[in-house]
C-alpha atoms as a PDB file:
ATOM      1  CA  MET A   1     116.450 104.469 103.588  1.00  0.00           C
ATOM      2  CA  THR A   2     119.868 103.114 104.625  1.00  0.00           C
ATOM      3  CA  LYS A   3     120.303 101.480 108.007  1.00  0.00           C
ATOM      4  CA  TYR A   4     123.473 100.070 109.518  1.00  0.00           C
ATOM      5  CA  LEU A   5     122.592  97.405 112.043  1.00  0.00           C
ATOM      6  CA  ARG A   6     124.667  96.317 115.028  1.00  0.00           C
ATOM      7  CA  GLU A   7     126.317  93.817 112.730  1.00  0.00           C
ATOM      8  CA  LYS A   8     127.632  96.884 110.821  1.00  0.00           C
ATOM      9  CA  LEU A   9     126.188  95.483 107.625  1.00  0.00           C
ATOM     10  CA  MET A  10     123.921  97.482 105.366  1.00  0.00           C
ATOM     11  CA  ILE A  11     120.202  97.065 104.849  1.00  0.00           C
ATOM     12  CA  GLN A  12     118.213  99.147 102.371  1.00  0.00           C
ATOM     13  CA  GLU A  13     114.454  99.539 102.024  1.00  0.00           C
ATOM     14  CA  TYR A  14     112.786 100.595  98.772  1.00  0.00           C
ATOM     15  CA  SER A  15     109.325 100.966  97.292  1.00  0.00           C
ATOM     16  CA  TYR A  16     108.859  99.248  93.929  1.00  0.00           C
ATOM     17  CA  PRO A  17     107.178 101.741  91.571  1.00  0.00           C
ATOM     18  CA  TYR A  18     105.284  99.033  89.624  1.00  0.00           C
ATOM     19  CA  ALA A  19     104.004  97.065  92.621  1.00  0.00           C
ATOM     20  CA  ALA A  20     100.290  97.589  91.915  1.00  0.00           C
ATOM     21  CA  LYS A  21     100.799  96.350  88.372  1.00  0.00           C
ATOM     22  CA  ILE A  22     102.860  93.200  89.090  1.00  0.00           C
ATOM     23  CA  ASN A  23     101.772  92.058  92.557  1.00  0.00           C
ATOM     24  CA  PRO A  24      98.598  90.241  91.397  1.00  0.00           C
ATOM     25  CA  SER A  25     100.647  88.182  88.899  1.00  0.00           C
ATOM     26  CA  LEU A  26     103.369  87.469  91.470  1.00  0.00           C
ATOM     27  CA  TYR A  27     100.763  86.394  94.020  1.00  0.00           C
ATOM     28  CA  SER A  28      99.137  84.026  91.527  1.00  0.00           C
ATOM     29  CA  LEU A  29     102.528  82.581  90.579  1.00  0.00           C
ATOM     30  CA  VAL A  30     103.402  81.766  94.206  1.00  0.00           C
ATOM     31  CA  GLU A  31      99.896  80.548  95.047  1.00  0.00           C
ATOM     32  CA  THR A  32      99.797  78.067  92.149  1.00  0.00           C
ATOM     33  CA  SER A  33     103.409  76.842  92.466  1.00  0.00           C
ATOM     34  CA  GLU A  34     104.295  73.458  93.927  1.00  0.00           C
ATOM     35  CA  ASP A  35     105.344  73.448  97.608  1.00  0.00           C
ATOM     36  CA  ASP A  36     109.105  72.769  97.811  1.00  0.00           C
ATOM     37  CA  ARG A  37     109.766  73.551 101.498  1.00  0.00           C
ATOM     38  CA  GLY A  38     110.946  70.028 102.330  1.00  0.00           C
ATOM     39  CA  LYS A  39     114.504  70.886 101.276  1.00  0.00           C
ATOM     40  CA  HIS A  40     114.787  73.773 103.735  1.00  0.00           C
ATOM     41  CA  SER A  41     114.716  72.881 107.435  1.00  0.00           C
ATOM     42  CA  THR A  42     114.061  76.423 108.688  1.00  0.00           C
ATOM     43  CA  VAL A  43     111.028  76.980 106.424  1.00  0.00           C
ATOM     44  CA  HIS A  44     107.625  76.297 107.982  1.00  0.00           C
ATOM     45  CA  ALA A  45     105.490  77.824 105.206  1.00  0.00           C
ATOM     46  CA  LYS A  46     104.732  77.065 101.567  1.00  0.00           C
ATOM     47  CA  MET A  47     107.876  77.746  99.519  1.00  0.00           C
ATOM     48  CA  THR A  48     108.286  77.538  95.758  1.00  0.00           C
ATOM     49  CA  ARG A  49     111.313  76.116  93.998  1.00  0.00           C
ATOM     50  CA  MET A  50     114.414  78.327  93.958  1.00  0.00           C
ATOM     51  CA  ASN A  51     114.102  79.045  90.223  1.00  0.00           C
ATOM     52  CA  LEU A  52     110.859  81.037  90.132  1.00  0.00           C
ATOM     53  CA  LYS A  53     110.452  82.538  86.654  1.00  0.00           C
ATOM     54  CA  SER A  54     108.031  84.930  84.986  1.00  0.00           C
ATOM     55  CA  PRO A  55     108.353  88.256  83.156  1.00  0.00           C
ATOM     56  CA  GLU A  56     107.370  90.045  86.402  1.00  0.00           C
ATOM     57  CA  VAL A  57     110.009  88.164  88.415  1.00  0.00           C
ATOM     58  CA  ASP A  58     112.617  88.944  85.751  1.00  0.00           C
ATOM     59  CA  ARG A  59     111.789  92.688  85.898  1.00  0.00           C
ATOM     60  CA  LEU A  60     111.971  92.654  89.697  1.00  0.00           C
ATOM     61  CA  VAL A  61     115.367  90.886  89.602  1.00  0.00           C
ATOM     62  CA  GLU A  62     116.733  93.409  87.089  1.00  0.00           C
ATOM     63  CA  TRP A  63     115.589  96.252  89.352  1.00  0.00           C
ATOM     64  CA  VAL A  64     117.254  94.654  92.388  1.00  0.00           C
ATOM     65  CA  LEU A  65     120.486  94.214  90.407  1.00  0.00           C
ATOM     66  CA  SER A  66     120.423  97.920  89.515  1.00  0.00           C
ATOM     67  CA  LEU A  67     119.968  98.804  93.213  1.00  0.00           C
ATOM     68  CA  ILE A  68     122.905  96.592  94.241  1.00  0.00           C
ATOM     69  CA  LYS A  69     125.082  98.281  91.642  1.00  0.00           C
ATOM     70  CA  ARG A  70     123.961 101.800  92.599  1.00  0.00           C
ATOM     71  CA  ASP A  71     123.681 101.618  96.393  1.00  0.00           C
ATOM     72  CA  PHE A  72     126.064  98.820  97.373  1.00  0.00           C
ATOM     73  CA  ARG A  73     128.489  99.829  94.601  1.00  0.00           C
ATOM     74  CA  VAL A  74     128.983  96.227  93.522  1.00  0.00           C
ATOM     75  CA  THR A  75     129.279  94.863  90.014  1.00  0.00           C
ATOM     76  CA  PRO A  76     129.124  92.294  88.545  1.00  0.00           C
ATOM     77  CA  CYS A  77     126.493  90.397  90.458  1.00  0.00           C
ATOM     78  CA  GLU A  78     124.268  87.526  89.331  1.00  0.00           C
ATOM     79  CA  ALA A  79     121.006  86.083  90.618  1.00  0.00           C
ATOM     80  CA  LYS A  80     121.591  82.738  92.328  1.00  0.00           C
ATOM     81  CA  GLY A  81     117.996  81.884  93.137  1.00  0.00           C
ATOM     82  CA  VAL A  82     114.585  83.511  93.376  1.00  0.00           C
ATOM     83  CA  TRP A  83     111.629  81.931  95.155  1.00  0.00           C
ATOM     84  CA  GLY A  84     108.267  82.745  96.669  1.00  0.00           C
ATOM     85  CA  VAL A  85     106.846  82.017 100.123  1.00  0.00           C
ATOM     86  CA  MET A  86     103.169  81.949 101.100  1.00  0.00           C
ATOM     87  CA  TYR A  87     102.506  82.192 104.841  1.00  0.00           C
ATOM     88  CA  ASN A  88      99.282  81.231 106.520  1.00  0.00           C
ATOM     89  CA  ASN A  89      98.311  81.554 110.173  1.00  0.00           C
ATOM     90  CA  GLY A  90     101.084  80.127 112.372  1.00  0.00           C
ATOM     91  CA  ASP A  91     103.638  79.753 109.542  1.00  0.00           C
ATOM     92  CA  TYR A  92     107.172  81.014 110.177  1.00  0.00           C
ATOM     93  CA  ILE A  93     110.803  80.747 109.120  1.00  0.00           C
ATOM     94  CA  GLY A  94     113.489  80.050 111.695  1.00  0.00           C
ATOM     95  CA  GLU A  95     116.682  82.009 112.121  1.00  0.00           C
ATOM     96  CA  HIS A  96     119.119  81.655 109.222  1.00  0.00           C
ATOM     97  CA  ASN A  97     121.345  83.544 106.836  1.00  0.00           C
ATOM     98  CA  HIS A  98     122.239  83.087 103.172  1.00  0.00           C
ATOM     99  CA  GLN A  99     126.008  83.539 103.461  1.00  0.00           C
ATOM    100  CA  SER A 100     126.930  80.097 102.114  1.00  0.00           C
ATOM    101  CA  THR A 101     125.278  80.768  98.745  1.00  0.00           C
ATOM    102  CA  SER A 102     125.267  84.515  98.206  1.00  0.00           C
ATOM    103  CA  THR A 103     126.542  88.003  98.926  1.00  0.00           C
ATOM    104  CA  TYR A 104     123.246  89.936  98.881  1.00  0.00           C
ATOM    105  CA  SER A 105     119.664  88.871  99.555  1.00  0.00           C
ATOM    106  CA  PHE A 106     116.271  90.504  99.200  1.00  0.00           C
ATOM    107  CA  VAL A 107     112.687  90.187 100.358  1.00  0.00           C
ATOM    108  CA  TYR A 108     109.901  91.745  98.297  1.00  0.00           C
ATOM    109  CA  TYR A 109     106.429  92.008  99.826  1.00  0.00           C
ATOM    110  CA  VAL A 110     103.626  90.972  97.468  1.00  0.00           C
ATOM    111  CA  ASN A 111     100.647  90.602  99.832  1.00  0.00           C
ATOM    112  CA  THR A 112     100.553  91.619 103.498  1.00  0.00           C
ATOM    113  CA  PRO A 113      97.150  91.275 105.158  1.00  0.00           C
ATOM    114  CA  LYS A 114      96.631  92.584 108.699  1.00  0.00           C
ATOM    115  CA  GLY A 115      98.563  90.261 111.034  1.00  0.00           C
ATOM    116  CA  SER A 116     101.475  89.731 108.620  1.00  0.00           C
ATOM    117  CA  SER A 117     104.709  89.066 110.481  1.00  0.00           C
ATOM    118  CA  PRO A 118     107.709  91.355 110.098  1.00  0.00           C
ATOM    119  CA  LEU A 119     111.154  90.384 108.857  1.00  0.00           C
ATOM    120  CA  VAL A 120     113.388  90.443 111.958  1.00  0.00           C
ATOM    121  CA  PHE A 121     117.178  90.786 111.931  1.00  0.00           C
ATOM    122  CA  SER A 122     118.464  88.689 114.820  1.00  0.00           C
ATOM    123  CA  THR A 123     121.360  90.637 116.349  1.00  0.00           C
ATOM    124  CA  SER A 124     119.864  94.119 116.180  1.00  0.00           C
ATOM    125  CA  ARG A 125     116.234  92.963 116.543  1.00  0.00           C
ATOM    126  CA  TYR A 126     115.401  95.443 113.768  1.00  0.00           C
ATOM    127  CA  LYS A 127     111.917  94.681 112.413  1.00  0.00           C
ATOM    128  CA  VAL A 128     110.846  95.470 108.868  1.00  0.00           C
ATOM    129  CA  LYS A 129     107.132  96.188 108.640  1.00  0.00           C
ATOM    130  CA  PRO A 130     105.611  94.244 105.727  1.00  0.00           C
ATOM    131  CA  ILE A 131     104.018  96.589 103.192  1.00  0.00           C
ATOM    132  CA  PRO A 132     103.044  95.525  99.655  1.00  0.00           C
ATOM    133  CA  GLY A 133     105.646  96.784  97.187  1.00  0.00           C
ATOM    134  CA  LYS A 134     108.390  97.208  99.786  1.00  0.00           C
ATOM    135  CA  LEU A 135     111.749  95.647  98.943  1.00  0.00           C
ATOM    136  CA  VAL A 136     114.364  94.937 101.606  1.00  0.00           C
ATOM    137  CA  LEU A 137     117.905  94.440 100.311  1.00  0.00           C
ATOM    138  CA  PHE A 138     120.630  93.281 102.700  1.00  0.00           C
ATOM    139  CA  GLU A 139     123.971  91.569 103.016  1.00  0.00           C
ATOM    140  CA  SER A 140     123.459  87.802 103.084  1.00  0.00           C
ATOM    141  CA  ARG A 141     125.564  87.424 106.247  1.00  0.00           C
ATOM    142  CA  LEU A 142     122.784  88.966 108.332  1.00  0.00           C
ATOM    143  CA  TYR A 143     120.870  86.415 110.399  1.00  0.00           C
ATOM    144  CA  HIS A 144     117.125  86.914 110.148  1.00  0.00           C
ATOM    145  CA  TYR A 145     113.789  85.163 110.730  1.00  0.00           C
ATOM    146  CA  ILE A 146     110.036  85.504 110.352  1.00  0.00           C
ATOM    147  CA  PRO A 147     108.043  85.020 113.589  1.00  0.00           C
ATOM    148  CA  PRO A 148     104.755  83.072 113.506  1.00  0.00           C
ATOM    149  CA  ASN A 149     102.335  84.749 111.119  1.00  0.00           C
ATOM    150  CA  LYS A 150      98.898  85.863 112.350  1.00  0.00           C
ATOM    151  CA  CYS A 151      96.964  85.832 109.077  1.00  0.00           C
ATOM    152  CA  ASN A 152      96.547  83.928 105.840  1.00  0.00           C
ATOM    153  CA  GLN A 153      98.031  84.740 102.430  1.00  0.00           C
ATOM    154  CA  ARG A 154     101.128  86.756 103.436  1.00  0.00           C
ATOM    155  CA  CYS A 155     103.180  86.455 100.239  1.00  0.00           C
ATOM    156  CA  ILE A 156     106.773  87.400  99.432  1.00  0.00           C
ATOM    157  CA  ILE A 157     109.343  86.955  96.702  1.00  0.00           C
ATOM    158  CA  SER A 158     112.895  86.452  97.909  1.00  0.00           C
ATOM    159  CA  GLY A 159     116.233  85.948  96.244  1.00  0.00           C
ATOM    160  CA  ASN A 160     119.995  85.780  96.445  1.00  0.00           C
ATOM    161  CA  PHE A 161     122.751  87.421  94.419  1.00  0.00           C
ATOM    162  CA  LEU A 162     126.393  86.487  94.248  1.00  0.00           C
ATOM    163  CA  ASN A 163     129.264  88.859  93.581  1.00  0.00           C
ATOM    164  CA  HIS A 164     132.043  86.605  92.287  1.00  0.00           C
ATOM    165  CA  ALA A 165     134.695  89.113  93.300  1.00  0.00           C
ATOM    166  CA  HIS A 166     133.504  88.976  96.913  1.00  0.00           C
ATOM    167  CA  THR A 167     134.882  86.265  99.180  1.00  0.00           C
ATOM    168  CA  ILE A 168     132.097  84.603 101.100  1.00  0.00           C
END
């Protein structure tokens, strides 16, 4: 589903066909990773390092790259960081964008118990309902945030991609 927000930048939503197979491994990876949120002032939830690696993460990144190429018609593009975030009750992420480090960003929902907060795009106020296996791919210039979470164990994988031909 393609949406053009008030910012006139594109956002795409997808359903990952192998979500049921990889989500338990991704959840475990984020859950057992060291908390690295101290380097990011807008993050008020457990965040892994920016270089999250596993075979499941690698497959997800390759899929996202293929979507960028197909739907955003951009190549070449390279991953500039992939990380996980685990939200518990009251956790949130303040308004921010990823423009200084990337061209495209994504959020992939791993675990979304009842009470999981949506991803909200600031200007349009468009809210993405968190559903396990859903991937949201968007231009990094879009400001977004996660309001306070109302459950435990909301888990996502997020990442940035840079198109070297694109001027940031």
